[in-house]
Amino acid sequence: MLVAAFSRHPEALAWAEAQTASRWGKIALTSPAFAFGETDYYTSSMGADLKKQFWLFDSPFDPGRLAEVKLATNALEAEYAGRGDHAAPRPLNLDPGYITLAKLVLASTKDHAHRVYLDRGIYAEVTLHFSHGAWRPAEWTFPDYRRADYHEFFNLCRHRLKR
């Protein structure tokens, strides 16, 4: 399993890392905290100067559990926001998914033509696929997921999966 976490607050990312690890086990790989500025979509609810970090969990993941995990990460977001530590209504965003040798799949609560319904209001999309030695975006892939530095981290994840 992979979780993408973003926030402008380092303490929110640290809290989320600890909470997700307590639920889903040891984190095998942690990305740098990447600057997240490809869109202003989240500015009104989260503020500016967002950082995004990825955590790859050590335990094997059953893709059939993706909807359950997305609901759990939504609950963690709400729990953190409910603490009232920050003025923004959504100080933390958590997007779970999974990575295989062939693809990166992310969960979403938003339906769209390219998303497949899973369960309880949760959808999944193939965000990237791996072909001819590189990660390839689809036409719907979010701009930040097209970045070379993200792909470098996803390559580390693939190498770990191969072992």
Protein backbone atom coordinates (compact mmCIF):
# COMPACT_ATOMS: atom_id res chain seq x y z
CA MET A 1 0.00 0.00 0.00
CA LEU A 2 1.02 3.56 -0.69
CA VAL A 3 -0.28 6.73 0.94
CA ALA A 4 0.18 10.22 -0.45
CA ALA A 5 -0.08 12.79 2.32
CA PHE A 6 -0.04 16.51 1.90
CA SER A 7 -0.26 19.51 4.15
CA ARG A 8 1.42 22.82 4.81
CA HIS A 9 2.05 21.72 8.41
CA PRO A 10 5.02 19.38 9.08
CA GLU A 11 3.37 18.30 12.36
CA ALA A 12 0.28 17.17 10.42
CA LEU A 13 2.43 14.99 8.17
CA ALA A 14 4.26 13.54 11.19
CA TRP A 15 0.94 12.81 12.92
CA ALA A 16 -0.45 11.13 9.80
CA GLU A 17 2.69 9.05 9.36
CA ALA A 18 2.42 7.76 12.92
CA GLN A 19 -1.34 7.11 12.63
CA THR A 20 -1.08 5.25 9.32
CA ALA A 21 1.87 3.18 10.53
CA SER A 22 -0.06 2.19 13.66
CA ARG A 23 -2.92 0.94 11.45
CA TRP A 24 -1.11 -0.59 8.49
CA GLY A 25 2.33 -1.49 9.76
CA LYS A 26 5.89 -0.52 9.11
CA ILE A 27 6.67 2.06 6.46
CA ALA A 28 9.29 0.63 4.13
CA LEU A 29 10.04 3.77 2.08
CA THR A 30 9.41 7.45 2.71
CA SER A 31 9.75 10.06 -0.01
CA PRO A 32 11.09 13.56 0.50
CA ALA A 33 8.44 16.18 1.29
CA PHE A 34 7.93 17.46 -2.26
CA ALA A 35 6.76 21.03 -2.89
CA PHE A 36 3.18 20.77 -4.18
CA GLY A 37 2.30 23.72 -6.38
CA GLU A 38 0.91 22.37 -9.64
CA THR A 39 -2.62 23.48 -8.79
CA ASP A 40 -4.37 25.99 -6.55
CA TYR A 41 -7.38 23.65 -6.18
CA TYR A 42 -6.60 23.03 -2.50
CA THR A 43 -5.60 26.57 -1.50
CA SER A 44 -9.01 27.62 -0.18
CA SER A 45 -9.36 24.57 2.07
CA MET A 46 -5.72 23.83 2.93
CA GLY A 47 -3.73 27.02 2.44
CA ALA A 48 -0.60 27.63 0.37
CA ASP A 49 2.91 26.17 0.42
CA LEU A 50 1.74 22.55 0.56
CA LYS A 51 4.17 19.65 0.79
CA LYS A 52 3.37 16.14 -0.42
CA GLN A 53 5.03 13.00 0.92
CA PHE A 54 4.58 9.34 -0.01
CA TRP A 55 4.82 6.36 2.30
CA LEU A 56 5.17 2.82 0.97
CA PHE A 57 4.11 0.26 3.54
CA ASP A 58 6.07 -2.92 4.07
CA SER A 59 3.18 -5.39 4.26
CA PRO A 60 1.64 -6.92 1.15
CA PHE A 61 -1.63 -5.19 0.22
CA ASP A 62 -4.89 -6.70 -0.99
CA PRO A 63 -6.32 -4.26 -3.59
CA GLY A 64 -9.80 -5.42 -2.57
CA ARG A 65 -9.29 -3.39 0.63
CA LEU A 66 -8.68 -0.07 -1.11
CA ALA A 67 -12.17 1.34 -0.42
CA GLU A 68 -11.89 0.40 3.26
CA VAL A 69 -8.49 2.09 3.52
CA LYS A 70 -9.73 5.26 1.78
CA LEU A 71 -12.62 5.49 4.25
CA ALA A 72 -10.13 5.07 7.10
CA THR A 73 -7.83 7.80 5.75
CA ASN A 74 -10.85 10.10 5.34
CA ALA A 75 -11.64 9.48 9.02
CA LEU A 76 -8.03 10.31 9.95
CA GLU A 77 -8.26 13.58 8.01
CA ALA A 78 -11.45 14.48 9.87
CA GLU A 79 -9.92 13.52 13.21
CA TYR A 80 -6.90 15.74 12.61
CA ALA A 81 -9.04 18.67 11.43
CA GLY A 82 -11.26 18.23 14.50
CA ARG A 83 -8.33 18.86 16.80
CA GLY A 84 -8.53 22.53 15.80
CA ASP A 85 -4.75 22.99 15.68
CA HIS A 86 -4.90 24.94 12.40
CA ALA A 87 -7.16 27.62 10.92
CA ALA A 88 -7.62 25.88 7.55
CA PRO A 89 -10.71 23.65 7.36
CA ARG A 90 -8.64 20.83 5.84
CA PRO A 91 -5.12 20.89 7.22
CA LEU A 92 -4.33 17.35 6.01
CA ASN A 93 -5.11 15.32 2.90
CA LEU A 94 -4.47 11.58 2.68
CA ASP A 95 -4.76 9.65 -0.59
CA PRO A 96 -4.19 5.92 -0.36
CA GLY A 97 -3.46 3.65 -3.25
CA TYR A 98 -1.21 0.84 -4.24
CA ILE A 99 1.68 0.30 -6.56
CA THR A 100 2.54 -2.80 -8.56
CA LEU A 101 5.26 -3.46 -11.10
CA ALA A 102 2.80 -2.32 -13.78
CA LYS A 103 0.78 0.53 -12.28
CA LEU A 104 0.01 3.07 -9.59
CA VAL A 105 -3.64 3.08 -8.49
CA LEU A 106 -5.18 5.81 -6.33
CA ALA A 107 -8.50 5.92 -4.47
CA SER A 108 -10.89 8.85 -4.69
CA THR A 109 -14.30 9.91 -3.43
CA LYS A 110 -14.97 11.68 -6.73
CA ASP A 111 -16.55 9.87 -9.67
CA HIS A 112 -15.32 10.53 -13.19
CA ALA A 113 -15.41 8.78 -16.57
CA HIS A 114 -12.04 7.10 -16.00
CA ARG A 115 -12.72 5.94 -12.44
CA VAL A 116 -14.14 2.60 -11.40
CA TYR A 117 -16.56 2.31 -8.50
CA LEU A 118 -15.29 0.12 -5.68
CA ASP A 119 -17.60 0.36 -2.66
CA ARG A 120 -19.24 2.82 -0.24
CA GLY A 121 -18.66 5.91 -2.40
CA ILE A 122 -15.04 5.12 -3.23
CA TYR A 123 -13.57 4.96 -6.73
CA ALA A 124 -10.19 3.89 -8.10
CA GLU A 125 -8.11 5.05 -11.02
CA VAL A 126 -4.91 3.91 -12.67
CA THR A 127 -2.93 7.13 -12.32
CA LEU A 128 0.32 5.90 -13.89
CA HIS A 129 1.37 2.77 -15.72
CA PHE A 130 4.88 1.43 -16.21
CA SER A 131 5.84 0.74 -19.81
CA HIS A 132 9.13 0.51 -21.71
CA GLY A 133 11.17 1.25 -18.59
CA ALA A 134 9.34 4.37 -17.43
CA TRP A 135 6.22 5.63 -15.67
CA ARG A 136 3.62 6.89 -18.16
CA PRO A 137 0.73 9.21 -17.32
CA ALA A 138 -2.78 8.92 -18.69
CA GLU A 139 -4.63 11.94 -20.07
CA TRP A 140 -6.33 12.34 -16.66
CA THR A 141 -3.20 12.01 -14.53
CA PHE A 142 -2.82 14.89 -12.08
CA PRO A 143 0.02 17.26 -13.07
CA ASP A 144 2.13 16.51 -10.01
CA TYR A 145 2.08 12.77 -10.74
CA ARG A 146 3.81 13.53 -14.06
CA ARG A 147 6.90 14.81 -12.22
CA ALA A 148 10.27 13.12 -12.61
CA ASP A 149 11.03 13.35 -8.88
CA TYR A 150 7.82 11.46 -8.05
CA HIS A 151 8.71 8.87 -10.69
CA GLU A 152 12.13 8.42 -9.09
CA PHE A 153 10.44 7.55 -5.81
CA PHE A 154 7.98 5.21 -7.55
CA ASN A 155 10.98 3.50 -9.19
CA LEU A 156 12.39 2.85 -5.71
CA CYS A 157 9.03 1.32 -4.81
CA ARG A 158 9.11 -0.90 -7.90
CA HIS A 159 12.65 -2.08 -7.08
CA ARG A 160 11.50 -2.96 -3.58
CA LEU A 161 8.53 -4.90 -4.96
CA LYS A 162 10.80 -6.84 -7.32
CA ARG A 163 12.89 -8.11 -4.38
